[in-house]
Amino acid sequence: MLKNILVLQGIQIVTKSQQQSIHGGVSSCISDCRQDFADCREDGAPNCSANLAACRATC
């Protein structure tokens, strides 16, 4: 779905630091883990669930 959105003209990609400033500061560790999980799933990478569990464990 994201790839279809990026095909639209005039779309600007927002970096994590820009997202954090939009959302009022540094996001929580769990939020970062969830975003990394979503990015992992979009990329079709293996072991996304394991990576999420490991990330949450470090929070």
Protein backbone atom coordinates (compact mmCIF):
# COMPACT_ATOMS: atom_id res chain seq x y z
CA MET A 1 0.00 0.00 0.00
CA LEU A 2 2.79 2.45 0.87
CA LYS A 3 4.39 1.88 -2.52
CA ASN A 4 1.11 2.89 -4.17
CA ILE A 5 1.01 6.06 -2.08
CA LEU A 6 4.61 6.97 -2.96
CA VAL A 7 3.71 6.84 -6.67
CA LEU A 8 1.58 9.95 -6.14
CA GLN A 9 3.29 13.17 -7.11
CA GLY A 10 4.20 15.65 -4.42
CA ILE A 11 4.58 13.10 -1.62
CA GLN A 12 7.45 13.84 0.75
CA ILE A 13 8.97 11.11 2.88
CA VAL A 14 9.33 12.07 6.54
CA THR A 15 12.31 10.82 8.54
CA LYS A 16 11.98 9.41 12.07
CA SER A 17 13.45 12.56 13.62
CA GLN A 18 10.94 14.68 11.70
CA GLN A 19 8.11 12.39 12.83
CA GLN A 20 9.24 12.75 16.43
CA SER A 21 9.21 16.53 16.22
CA ILE A 22 5.72 16.45 14.70
CA HIS A 23 4.47 14.25 17.54
CA GLY A 24 5.79 16.57 20.22
CA GLY A 25 9.24 15.27 21.01
CA VAL A 26 11.04 12.00 21.39
CA SER A 27 8.68 9.07 21.00
CA SER A 28 8.73 6.20 23.44
CA CYS A 29 10.85 3.13 22.94
CA ILE A 30 7.76 0.97 22.33
CA SER A 31 6.55 3.36 19.61
CA ASP A 32 9.93 3.09 17.89
CA CYS A 33 9.72 -0.70 18.10
CA ARG A 34 6.27 -0.67 16.53
CA GLN A 35 7.43 1.62 13.72
CA ASP A 36 10.45 -0.59 13.04
CA PHE A 37 8.12 -3.62 12.97
CA ALA A 38 5.82 -1.91 10.47
CA ASP A 39 8.78 -0.94 8.28
CA CYS A 40 10.10 -4.51 8.49
CA ARG A 41 6.72 -5.95 7.40
CA GLU A 42 6.46 -3.50 4.49
CA ASP A 43 9.93 -4.48 3.30
CA GLY A 44 9.00 -8.17 3.50
CA ALA A 45 11.98 -8.94 5.72
CA PRO A 46 12.01 -12.20 7.69
CA ASN A 47 11.85 -12.43 11.51
CA CYS A 48 9.93 -9.17 12.02
CA SER A 49 8.07 -10.61 15.01
CA ALA A 50 11.31 -11.79 16.63
CA ASN A 51 12.88 -8.38 16.06
CA LEU A 52 9.85 -6.72 17.65
CA ALA A 53 10.08 -8.98 20.69
CA ALA A 54 13.80 -8.27 21.07
CA CYS A 55 13.22 -4.52 20.72
CA ARG A 56 10.48 -4.54 23.36
CA ALA A 57 12.71 -6.52 25.70
CA THR A 58 15.36 -3.78 25.52
CA CYS A 59 12.82 -1.06 26.40
